[in-house]
Amino acid sequence: MSFGAFSLLPPLLAIALALMTRNVIPALFCGVWLGATMLAGGNPAVGLYDTFDAFIIPSVGDEWSVTVLIYCGLFGVLIGVLERSGGAQAIAHWISARVASRRGAQGATMGLGVLIFFEDYFNALTVGSVMRPITDRMKVSREKLAYIVDSTSAPMCLLGPVSTWVVFVMGLIGTQLVDMGASGSEYLIYLSTIPLNFYAWLALGLIAYLVITQWDFGPMAAAEHRARTTGEIMAAGAMPPSERHTLSDSVVNEEQARKRNMLVPIGVLLVMIPPLFLWTGNFPENDLVTAVGNAKGGLSILLATLLAVVVGLTMGMLQKLFDFREAMNIVVDGIKSMTLVYIILTLAWSIGSVTSELGTAAYLVTLAEASLAPSLVPVLLFVIAALVAFTTGTSYGTFAIMIPIAMPVAAAMDLSLALTIAAVLSGGIFGDHCSPISDTTILTSAGASCDHIDHVRTQLPYALTAGSAGIVAFFVAGLTGSALLGGASGVVVLLTIAIALRLLWGAPRKRVATKVN
């Protein structure tokens, strides 16, 4: 059964309720329930039953979902270990001694986000947790922290040469090459998309511009003005999803806080990821590129995180910072601390399953099946991918839907394969940045300990600015065939919009008192 335009109702309801009520959990649940009811022929009682039986329970039981949930739990434990052992505290003090301004705190946040390019979940949780006490001290709003973290995590996963996202996209490209009977290396094709991923580059460029100039606009300008003038880093009534993870200076005595208590576990995590990628990809039975392409990215990160947790706990016990029983309490508390994230992720996956059953993405794709000029195809793919990601809340799902469409279209119309794939990847990140039901956006709110709806509301104008510049960049690149001209035009539009919005929608101005005689 085809629902046509009505297939948009569940995700739109979830998004509208999330923005109106400032509570994403009931909004997501209502969206899933509405979709299940539609699939049940309009019977709300059967829809409620199917909400759990057909969507929520299967979403939790899916192998990938379970891997992510376990990984999130382990990462919650790792955060607890770094906090309890004083490692994160020592790193925060070390960075704080070198950060003397709001600009420096924001720049350091961006720099750390760029360095952690191999996994978006890890990036979102790590950078937010480590930089939070520093940005708090410098009176940077939690909304600004969350924006910088969110807008570096996903883009860097697609601009870096190796990441969990790269593995996923390579798998899609390789499968499509086989179906098309085409030759070529999926990894080399992926590398060719990196310079053309205009939205990712523009999103990073916008962060750099905002950090250097400190010229915010929209709701973010108001949030920054509040934090700068009153010291209130969050809005009144804000409900951060992971407040427990605030790094406290009172956890460990300053003499006991050692940087190695963070650097060594994180080092273990980083060092173990490449060999685990190769191991799960059956290297050396498979060659290096094939092994990387076949690797189980989620499982690799999970195992690396587990090893980092074991090392961190061992170091803490050897330094007599806690005993074995306390170590087990850290494990339990770390898993518990991610409960809200588990719930939101589960509902986000469930509504993604609902939209898949309703044919939401398929409906959006059919809107673009009419004959088009070849130069418009990259722009159209970018816009459709953005809409799919926005309504479903998943970049991965968007890539899985759109890449099998984009590659045959590129071959049929003799278009640049790299440009069409890059348009899908850029659109997926753009829609993901705008969507309150995106799992990366949710985890960013958790890592930065920022009210989720406040994060979405303040980030949206920035994402739309970079997205508008991205549309121009893909249009020019498709029209001229030049990536350089496309990128340059995108930068010009980005700066023009940012400066105009700063002038029209900038920070509140101070009132000047006039003496009346």
Protein backbone atom coordinates (compact mmCIF):
# COMPACT_ATOMS: atom_id res chain seq x y z
CA MET A 1 0.00 0.00 0.00
CA SER A 2 1.32 3.41 -0.99
CA PHE A 3 0.79 6.30 1.42
CA GLY A 4 2.22 8.99 -0.83
CA ALA A 5 2.46 12.38 0.82
CA PHE A 6 0.83 10.98 3.98
CA SER A 7 4.03 8.99 4.60
CA LEU A 8 5.57 12.29 5.74
CA LEU A 9 3.14 12.64 8.65
CA PRO A 10 4.92 10.51 11.34
CA PRO A 11 8.36 12.15 11.07
CA LEU A 12 6.80 15.60 10.70
CA LEU A 13 4.65 14.99 13.78
CA ALA A 14 7.68 13.84 15.78
CA ILE A 15 9.71 16.85 14.70
CA ALA A 16 6.87 19.32 15.37
CA LEU A 17 6.11 17.88 18.81
CA ALA A 18 9.81 17.83 19.72
CA LEU A 19 10.16 21.50 18.86
CA MET A 20 6.88 22.47 20.54
CA THR A 21 7.16 20.46 23.76
CA ARG A 22 10.97 20.54 24.09
CA ASN A 23 10.81 16.83 24.97
CA VAL A 24 11.97 14.45 22.29
CA ILE A 25 10.92 11.13 23.89
CA PRO A 26 7.09 11.52 23.77
CA ALA A 27 7.45 13.25 20.39
CA LEU A 28 9.29 10.28 18.93
CA PHE A 29 6.91 7.80 20.51
CA CYS A 30 3.89 9.62 19.06
CA GLY A 31 5.51 9.59 15.64
CA VAL A 32 6.12 5.84 15.83
CA TRP A 33 2.58 5.24 17.09
CA LEU A 34 1.04 7.33 14.29
CA GLY A 35 3.02 5.46 11.65
CA ALA A 36 2.14 2.07 13.14
CA THR A 37 -1.52 3.11 13.26
CA MET A 38 -1.43 4.10 9.59
CA LEU A 39 0.09 0.72 8.72
CA ALA A 40 -2.59 -0.99 10.83
CA GLY A 41 -5.38 0.51 8.76
CA GLY A 42 -6.09 3.38 11.12
CA ASN A 43 -6.70 1.25 14.24
CA PRO A 44 -4.86 3.02 17.11
CA ALA A 45 -5.10 -0.01 19.44
CA VAL A 46 -3.47 -2.30 16.89
CA GLY A 47 -1.06 0.51 16.10
CA LEU A 48 -0.01 0.69 19.76
CA TYR A 49 0.60 -3.06 19.79
CA ASP A 50 2.59 -2.90 16.55
CA THR A 51 4.57 0.07 17.88
CA PHE A 52 6.29 -2.32 20.25
CA ASP A 53 5.93 -5.63 18.41
CA ALA A 54 6.91 -4.50 14.92
CA PHE A 55 9.17 -1.53 15.55
CA ILE A 56 10.59 -0.80 19.03
CA ILE A 57 11.47 -4.38 20.02
CA PRO A 58 12.97 -5.32 16.61
CA SER A 59 14.94 -2.05 16.60
CA VAL A 60 16.52 -2.93 19.95
CA GLY A 61 17.18 -6.49 18.82
CA ASP A 62 18.88 -5.58 15.55
CA GLU A 63 22.56 -6.57 15.55
CA TRP A 64 23.80 -3.11 14.60
CA SER A 65 21.52 -1.42 17.13
CA VAL A 66 22.68 -3.72 19.94
CA THR A 67 26.29 -3.01 18.99
CA VAL A 68 25.66 0.74 19.21
CA LEU A 69 23.83 0.43 22.54
CA ILE A 70 26.60 -1.67 24.06
CA TYR A 71 29.18 0.72 22.67
CA CYS A 72 27.30 3.68 24.18
CA GLY A 73 27.21 1.89 27.53
CA LEU A 74 30.92 1.16 27.41
CA PHE A 75 31.63 4.73 26.45
CA GLY A 76 29.58 5.88 29.42
CA VAL A 77 31.83 3.65 31.52
CA LEU A 78 34.96 5.07 29.88
CA ILE A 79 33.79 8.63 30.65
CA GLY A 80 33.23 7.55 34.26
CA VAL A 81 36.71 6.02 34.43
CA LEU A 82 38.36 9.15 33.01
CA GLU A 83 36.41 11.25 35.50
CA ARG A 84 36.99 9.04 38.54
CA SER A 85 40.69 8.55 37.83
CA GLY A 86 41.25 12.28 37.36
CA GLY A 87 42.58 11.88 33.83
CA ALA A 88 39.97 14.09 32.19
CA GLN A 89 40.36 16.55 35.06
CA ALA A 90 44.11 16.79 34.48
CA ILE A 91 43.67 17.24 30.72
CA ALA A 92 41.06 19.92 31.33
CA HIS A 93 43.48 21.77 33.64
CA TRP A 94 46.30 21.42 31.09
CA ILE A 95 44.16 22.83 28.28
CA SER A 96 42.70 25.49 30.57
CA ALA A 97 46.16 26.79 31.35
CA ARG A 98 46.64 27.39 27.63
CA VAL A 99 43.18 28.79 26.89
CA ALA A 100 42.75 32.38 27.97
CA SER A 101 39.69 33.47 26.03
CA ARG A 102 36.30 32.43 24.74
CA ARG A 103 37.76 32.33 21.25
CA GLY A 104 40.55 30.04 22.42
CA ALA A 105 38.11 27.65 24.12
CA GLN A 106 35.97 27.41 20.99
CA GLY A 107 39.02 27.00 18.77
CA ALA A 108 40.37 24.22 20.98
CA THR A 109 36.98 22.48 20.79
CA MET A 110 37.05 22.64 17.01
CA GLY A 111 40.66 21.42 16.89
CA LEU A 112 39.90 18.42 19.07
CA GLY A 113 36.82 17.64 16.98
CA VAL A 114 38.88 17.69 13.79
CA LEU A 115 41.50 15.36 15.28
CA ILE A 116 38.93 12.71 16.25
CA PHE A 117 37.77 11.88 12.72
CA PHE A 118 37.37 8.12 12.91
CA GLU A 119 34.00 7.74 14.65
CA ASP A 120 31.15 10.23 15.03
CA TYR A 121 29.71 8.81 18.27
CA PHE A 122 33.12 8.81 19.91
CA ASN A 123 33.74 12.34 18.66
CA ALA A 124 30.41 13.67 19.90
CA LEU A 125 30.77 12.20 23.38
CA THR A 126 34.51 12.74 23.89
CA VAL A 127 34.91 16.31 22.68
CA GLY A 128 31.82 17.51 24.51
CA SER A 129 32.79 15.85 27.77
CA VAL A 130 36.44 16.98 27.74
CA MET A 131 35.84 20.57 26.61
CA ARG A 132 32.71 21.25 28.68
CA PRO A 133 34.45 22.44 31.88
CA ILE A 134 36.73 24.69 29.84
CA THR A 135 33.97 26.31 27.81
CA ASP A 136 31.89 26.66 30.98
CA ARG A 137 34.72 28.54 32.67
CA MET A 138 35.07 30.81 29.65
CA LYS A 139 31.32 31.50 29.64
CA VAL A 140 30.70 29.79 26.32
CA SER A 141 27.10 28.63 26.10
CA ARG A 142 26.36 24.91 26.06
CA GLU A 143 24.49 25.56 22.81
CA LYS A 144 27.67 26.85 21.15
CA LEU A 145 29.69 23.92 22.50
CA ALA A 146 27.14 21.44 21.15
CA TYR A 147 27.10 23.17 17.76
CA ILE A 148 30.88 23.04 17.35
CA VAL A 149 30.98 19.39 18.42
CA ASP A 150 28.07 18.35 16.17
CA SER A 151 29.36 20.22 13.13
CA THR A 152 32.80 18.64 13.35
CA SER A 153 31.83 15.04 14.18
CA ALA A 154 29.91 13.86 11.10
CA PRO A 155 31.76 16.04 8.54
CA MET A 156 35.15 14.81 9.75
CA CYS A 157 33.99 11.18 9.52
CA LEU A 158 33.45 11.73 5.79
CA LEU A 159 36.51 13.91 5.20
CA GLY A 160 38.93 11.56 6.94
CA PRO A 161 40.47 8.67 5.01
CA VAL A 162 39.37 6.00 7.51
CA SER A 163 36.30 5.96 9.72
CA THR A 164 33.25 3.87 10.50
CA TRP A 165 31.35 6.00 8.00
CA VAL A 166 33.95 5.34 5.31
CA VAL A 167 33.55 1.60 5.83
CA PHE A 168 29.77 1.84 5.48
CA VAL A 169 29.85 4.01 2.36
CA MET A 170 32.53 1.84 0.75
CA GLY A 171 30.27 -1.15 1.22
CA LEU A 172 27.43 0.62 -0.58
CA ILE A 173 29.69 1.75 -3.42
CA GLY A 174 31.21 -1.70 -3.84
CA THR A 175 27.81 -3.40 -3.94
CA GLN A 176 26.56 -0.96 -6.56
CA LEU A 177 29.67 -1.40 -8.70
CA VAL A 178 28.94 -5.13 -8.83
CA ASP A 179 25.27 -4.55 -9.68
CA MET A 180 26.24 -2.12 -12.44
CA GLY A 181 28.91 -4.48 -13.79
CA ALA A 182 31.44 -1.67 -13.39
CA SER A 183 35.07 -1.94 -12.38
CA GLY A 184 37.05 0.18 -9.97
CA SER A 185 38.12 0.38 -6.36
CA GLU A 186 35.37 1.46 -4.00
CA TYR A 187 37.98 2.95 -1.68
CA LEU A 188 39.56 5.07 -4.42
CA ILE A 189 36.12 6.20 -5.55
CA TYR A 190 35.36 7.19 -1.99
CA LEU A 191 38.62 9.15 -1.70
CA SER A 192 37.67 11.05 -4.86
CA THR A 193 34.48 12.28 -3.16
CA ILE A 194 36.34 13.98 -0.30
CA PRO A 195 37.25 17.23 -2.14
CA LEU A 196 33.68 17.40 -3.52
CA ASN A 197 31.88 16.98 -0.20
CA PHE A 198 31.00 20.67 -0.22
CA TYR A 199 28.62 20.80 2.74
CA ALA A 200 31.13 19.10 5.05
CA TRP A 201 33.86 21.58 4.10
CA LEU A 202 31.51 24.56 4.32
CA ALA A 203 30.22 23.47 7.74
CA LEU A 204 33.80 23.34 9.04
CA GLY A 205 34.57 26.65 7.38
CA LEU A 206 31.57 28.28 9.05
CA ILE A 207 32.78 27.09 12.46
CA ALA A 208 36.21 28.59 11.81
CA TYR A 209 34.62 31.87 10.69
CA LEU A 210 32.41 32.06 13.80
CA VAL A 211 35.27 31.17 16.15
CA ILE A 212 37.61 33.77 14.66
CA THR A 213 35.11 36.62 14.33
CA GLN A 214 32.83 35.72 17.28
CA TRP A 215 30.00 37.03 15.07
CA ASP A 216 27.06 34.81 15.95
CA PHE A 217 23.51 35.23 14.69
CA GLY A 218 20.03 33.89 15.34
CA PRO A 219 19.16 32.04 18.57
CA MET A 220 22.85 31.26 19.05
CA ALA A 221 23.63 34.97 19.33
CA ALA A 222 21.08 35.26 22.12
CA ALA A 223 22.50 32.18 23.87
CA GLU A 224 26.05 33.51 23.65
CA HIS A 225 24.95 36.94 24.86
CA ARG A 226 23.24 35.28 27.84
CA ALA A 227 26.34 33.24 28.71
CA ARG A 228 28.74 36.13 28.23
CA THR A 229 26.78 38.72 30.20
CA THR A 230 25.11 36.65 32.93
CA GLY A 231 27.35 33.58 33.16
CA GLU A 232 24.32 31.33 32.58
CA ILE A 233 25.69 28.66 30.24
CA MET A 234 22.24 27.09 29.76
CA ALA A 235 18.79 28.59 29.32
CA ALA A 236 16.37 28.60 32.24
CA GLY A 237 14.53 25.29 32.38
CA ALA A 238 17.05 23.48 30.18
CA MET A 239 17.07 19.68 30.55
CA PRO A 240 20.45 18.29 29.44
CA PRO A 241 20.32 14.52 28.77
CA SER A 242 23.68 13.69 30.35
CA GLU A 243 24.30 16.17 33.18
CA ARG A 244 26.05 13.49 35.24
CA HIS A 245 29.09 13.69 32.98
CA THR A 246 30.12 17.15 34.11
CA LEU A 247 33.77 16.89 35.01
CA SER A 248 34.22 18.00 38.61
CA ASP A 249 37.40 19.42 40.08
CA SER A 250 36.58 17.72 43.36
CA VAL A 251 36.67 14.17 42.01
CA VAL A 252 40.41 13.65 42.56
CA ASN A 253 42.98 15.71 44.43
CA GLU A 254 45.02 17.84 42.08
CA GLU A 255 48.19 16.00 43.11
CA GLN A 256 46.64 12.66 42.10
CA ALA A 257 45.15 13.88 38.82
CA ARG A 258 47.50 12.72 36.07
CA LYS A 259 47.18 13.34 32.35
CA ARG A 260 48.27 9.79 31.62
CA ASN A 261 45.11 8.49 33.27
CA MET A 262 43.30 9.82 30.23
CA LEU A 263 46.00 9.74 27.58
CA VAL A 264 46.84 6.05 28.05
CA PRO A 265 43.24 4.71 27.82
CA ILE A 266 42.49 6.99 24.88
CA GLY A 267 45.81 5.96 23.31
CA VAL A 268 44.84 2.30 23.68
CA LEU A 269 41.52 3.06 22.03
CA LEU A 270 43.15 4.81 19.07
CA VAL A 271 45.94 2.29 18.64
CA MET A 272 43.60 -0.72 18.75
CA ILE A 273 41.08 0.52 16.19
CA PRO A 274 43.22 -0.09 13.02
CA PRO A 275 44.22 -3.68 13.88
CA LEU A 276 40.65 -4.46 14.95
CA PHE A 277 39.39 -3.09 11.64
CA LEU A 278 41.79 -5.41 9.83
CA TRP A 279 40.96 -8.36 12.08
CA THR A 280 37.18 -8.03 11.64
CA GLY A 281 37.81 -7.62 7.90
CA ASN A 282 39.65 -11.00 7.75
CA PHE A 283 43.12 -9.63 7.08
CA PRO A 284 45.49 -11.07 5.79
CA GLU A 285 43.11 -13.50 4.03
CA ASN A 286 41.73 -10.36 2.37
CA ASP A 287 44.02 -7.66 1.05
CA LEU A 288 44.29 -4.37 2.95
CA VAL A 289 41.65 -2.43 1.02
CA THR A 290 39.20 -5.35 1.01
CA ALA A 291 39.74 -5.96 4.71
CA VAL A 292 39.04 -2.31 5.51
CA GLY A 293 35.96 -2.39 3.31
CA ASN A 294 34.63 -5.56 4.96
CA ALA A 295 35.49 -4.55 8.53
CA LYS A 296 32.81 -4.39 11.19
CA GLY A 297 33.34 -0.80 12.26
CA GLY A 298 30.90 -0.83 15.17
CA LEU A 299 32.28 -4.03 16.63
CA SER A 300 35.84 -2.79 16.19
CA ILE A 301 35.11 0.42 18.09
CA LEU A 302 33.23 -1.54 20.76
CA LEU A 303 36.17 -3.88 21.40
CA ALA A 304 38.66 -1.01 21.39
CA THR A 305 36.51 0.86 23.92
CA LEU A 306 36.29 -2.25 26.12
CA LEU A 307 40.08 -2.57 26.14
CA ALA A 308 40.42 1.14 26.98
CA VAL A 309 37.97 0.69 29.89
CA VAL A 310 39.96 -2.29 31.23
CA VAL A 311 43.22 -0.36 31.00
CA GLY A 312 41.72 2.72 32.66
CA LEU A 313 40.22 0.71 35.53
CA THR A 314 43.47 -1.17 36.03
CA MET A 315 45.49 2.04 36.20
CA GLY A 316 43.06 3.52 38.71
CA MET A 317 43.24 0.46 40.96
CA LEU A 318 47.05 0.30 40.77
CA GLN A 319 47.22 3.96 41.81
CA LYS A 320 44.80 3.15 44.66
CA LEU A 321 42.31 5.72 43.44
CA PHE A 322 39.58 3.09 43.90
CA ASP A 323 39.35 -0.60 44.72
CA PHE A 324 37.80 -3.43 42.70
CA ARG A 325 34.33 -2.99 44.19
CA GLU A 326 34.39 0.72 43.40
CA ALA A 327 35.59 -0.11 39.91
CA MET A 328 32.52 -2.29 39.36
CA ASN A 329 30.35 0.54 40.66
CA ILE A 330 31.94 2.81 38.05
CA VAL A 331 30.98 0.28 35.37
CA VAL A 332 27.36 0.07 36.55
CA ASP A 333 27.02 3.83 36.98
CA GLY A 334 28.52 4.48 33.56
CA ILE A 335 26.00 2.18 31.89
CA LYS A 336 23.13 3.71 33.87
CA SER A 337 24.19 7.23 32.92
CA MET A 338 23.38 6.51 29.27
CA THR A 339 19.80 5.32 29.92
CA LEU A 340 18.18 8.41 28.44
CA VAL A 341 20.38 8.10 25.37
CA TYR A 342 19.34 4.44 24.98
CA ILE A 343 15.67 5.42 25.02
CA ILE A 344 16.02 8.23 22.53
CA LEU A 345 18.19 6.20 20.16
CA THR A 346 15.75 3.28 20.27
CA LEU A 347 12.80 5.53 19.41
CA ALA A 348 14.80 7.27 16.68
CA TRP A 349 15.61 3.90 15.09
CA SER A 350 11.97 2.87 15.46
CA ILE A 351 10.64 5.91 13.64
CA GLY A 352 13.24 5.24 10.95
CA SER A 353 11.75 1.75 10.54
CA VAL A 354 8.25 3.23 10.41
CA THR A 355 9.18 5.70 7.66
CA SER A 356 10.79 2.85 5.74
CA GLU A 357 7.58 0.80 5.92
CA LEU A 358 5.48 3.80 4.91
CA GLY A 359 7.74 4.53 1.93
CA THR A 360 8.67 8.05 3.05
CA ALA A 361 12.05 8.02 1.33
CA ALA A 362 10.64 6.37 -1.80
CA TYR A 363 7.99 9.07 -2.04
CA LEU A 364 10.58 11.81 -1.79
CA VAL A 365 12.69 10.12 -4.46
CA THR A 366 9.75 9.84 -6.88
CA LEU A 367 9.36 13.60 -6.79
CA ALA A 368 12.66 13.82 -8.68
CA GLU A 369 12.04 11.16 -11.33
CA ALA A 370 11.00 13.66 -14.00
CA SER A 371 13.46 14.48 -16.75
CA LEU A 372 16.08 16.95 -15.54
CA ALA A 373 19.03 18.81 -16.98
CA PRO A 374 22.24 16.94 -16.05
CA SER A 375 23.64 20.04 -14.34
CA LEU A 376 20.74 19.97 -11.86
CA VAL A 377 21.19 16.34 -10.82
CA PRO A 378 23.85 16.99 -8.12
CA VAL A 379 21.68 19.73 -6.57
CA LEU A 380 18.61 17.51 -6.68
CA LEU A 381 20.44 14.59 -5.08
CA PHE A 382 21.73 16.92 -2.37
CA VAL A 383 18.25 18.29 -1.60
CA ILE A 384 16.51 14.90 -1.63
CA ALA A 385 19.20 13.32 0.56
CA ALA A 386 18.82 16.23 2.98
CA LEU A 387 15.03 15.76 3.12
CA VAL A 388 15.36 12.02 3.68
CA ALA A 389 17.94 12.49 6.44
CA PHE A 390 15.87 15.23 8.05
CA THR A 391 12.66 13.21 8.14
CA THR A 392 14.25 9.87 9.07
CA GLY A 393 17.04 11.14 11.31
CA THR A 394 19.66 8.83 9.84
CA SER A 395 22.54 9.58 7.51
CA TYR A 396 23.32 5.88 7.17
CA GLY A 397 19.77 5.14 6.03
CA THR A 398 19.92 8.05 3.61
CA PHE A 399 23.16 6.80 2.09
CA ALA A 400 21.72 3.28 1.79
CA ILE A 401 18.69 4.65 -0.07
CA MET A 402 20.31 7.29 -2.25
CA ILE A 403 23.67 5.87 -3.34
CA PRO A 404 22.06 2.99 -5.30
CA ILE A 405 20.00 5.69 -7.06
CA ALA A 406 22.78 8.22 -7.58
CA MET A 407 25.36 5.88 -9.10
CA PRO A 408 23.18 4.46 -11.92
CA VAL A 409 21.89 7.98 -12.66
CA ALA A 410 25.47 9.22 -12.94
CA ALA A 411 26.35 6.35 -15.27
CA ALA A 412 23.22 6.83 -17.42
CA MET A 413 23.67 10.61 -17.77
CA ASP A 414 27.48 10.49 -18.06
CA LEU A 415 27.93 12.54 -14.90
CA SER A 416 30.85 12.59 -12.49
CA LEU A 417 30.46 9.57 -10.22
CA ALA A 418 32.40 11.26 -7.43
CA LEU A 419 30.26 14.41 -7.61
CA THR A 420 26.94 12.55 -7.47
CA ILE A 421 28.06 10.41 -4.52
CA ALA A 422 29.44 13.50 -2.76
CA ALA A 423 26.07 15.23 -3.25
CA VAL A 424 24.34 12.36 -1.45
CA LEU A 425 26.90 12.35 1.36
CA SER A 426 26.68 16.12 1.79
CA GLY A 427 22.89 16.07 1.74
CA GLY A 428 22.82 13.31 4.32
CA ILE A 429 25.00 15.29 6.74
CA PHE A 430 23.03 18.48 6.11
CA GLY A 431 19.69 16.83 6.89
CA ASP A 432 21.25 15.07 9.86
CA HIS A 433 22.43 18.39 11.30
CA CYS A 434 18.93 19.88 10.97
CA SER A 435 16.99 16.92 12.39
CA PRO A 436 16.15 16.63 16.11
CA ILE A 437 15.73 12.85 15.72
CA SER A 438 19.26 12.27 14.40
CA ASP A 439 21.25 9.88 16.61
CA THR A 440 24.45 11.93 16.18
CA THR A 441 22.60 15.10 17.19
CA ILE A 442 21.18 13.27 20.22
CA LEU A 443 24.60 12.01 21.30
CA THR A 444 26.10 15.47 20.81
CA SER A 445 23.52 16.86 23.23
CA ALA A 446 24.53 14.14 25.68
CA GLY A 447 28.26 14.76 25.34
CA ALA A 448 27.93 18.53 25.64
CA SER A 449 25.26 18.17 28.36
CA CYS A 450 23.05 20.59 26.44
CA ASP A 451 19.27 20.62 26.27
CA HIS A 452 18.55 18.69 23.08
CA ILE A 453 15.92 21.00 21.66
CA ASP A 454 18.03 24.07 22.49
CA HIS A 455 20.89 22.47 20.56
CA VAL A 456 18.71 21.81 17.52
CA ARG A 457 17.09 25.26 17.64
CA THR A 458 20.39 27.16 17.83
CA GLN A 459 22.25 24.99 15.30
CA LEU A 460 19.51 25.11 12.63
CA PRO A 461 20.29 28.61 11.23
CA TYR A 462 23.97 27.68 10.93
CA ALA A 463 23.20 24.37 9.20
CA LEU A 464 20.82 26.14 6.81
CA THR A 465 23.50 28.73 6.03
CA ALA A 466 26.06 26.07 5.11
CA GLY A 467 23.34 24.07 3.32
CA SER A 468 22.33 27.04 1.16
CA ALA A 469 25.97 27.58 0.22
CA GLY A 470 26.22 23.86 -0.52
CA ILE A 471 23.31 24.04 -2.97
CA VAL A 472 25.10 26.80 -4.88
CA ALA A 473 28.37 24.88 -4.82
CA PHE A 474 26.80 21.72 -6.28
CA PHE A 475 24.88 23.73 -8.88
CA VAL A 476 28.02 25.51 -10.08
CA ALA A 477 30.07 22.31 -10.02
CA GLY A 478 27.38 20.47 -12.01
CA LEU A 479 27.05 23.34 -14.48
CA THR A 480 30.76 23.94 -15.07
CA GLY A 481 32.24 20.55 -14.24
CA SER A 482 34.77 22.32 -12.04
CA ALA A 483 35.08 21.36 -8.38
CA LEU A 484 37.25 24.43 -7.77
CA LEU A 485 34.62 26.85 -9.08
CA GLY A 486 31.91 25.01 -7.17
CA GLY A 487 33.82 25.22 -3.91
CA ALA A 488 34.78 28.87 -4.42
CA SER A 489 31.19 29.88 -5.15
CA GLY A 490 30.06 28.04 -2.02
CA VAL A 491 32.55 29.93 0.13
CA VAL A 492 31.43 33.28 -1.30
CA VAL A 493 27.78 32.51 -0.63
CA LEU A 494 28.57 31.20 2.85
CA LEU A 495 30.37 34.37 3.87
CA THR A 496 27.73 36.60 2.28
CA ILE A 497 24.87 34.91 4.14
CA ALA A 498 26.78 34.78 7.43
CA ILE A 499 27.68 38.48 7.31
CA ALA A 500 24.15 39.49 6.27
CA LEU A 501 22.56 37.46 9.06
CA ARG A 502 25.02 38.91 11.55
CA LEU A 503 23.88 42.41 10.58
CA LEU A 504 20.17 41.58 10.50
CA TRP A 505 19.91 38.90 13.21
CA GLY A 506 22.94 39.39 15.39
CA ALA A 507 23.55 39.71 19.12
CA PRO A 508 21.33 41.99 21.22
CA ARG A 509 22.73 45.46 21.28
CA LYS A 510 23.43 47.29 24.52
CA ARG A 511 21.05 50.12 25.18
CA VAL A 512 22.71 53.48 25.49
CA ALA A 513 21.22 55.62 28.24
CA THR A 514 20.42 59.17 27.22
CA LYS A 515 20.46 61.88 29.87
CA VAL A 516 17.44 64.13 29.74
CA ASN A 517 17.85 67.64 31.13
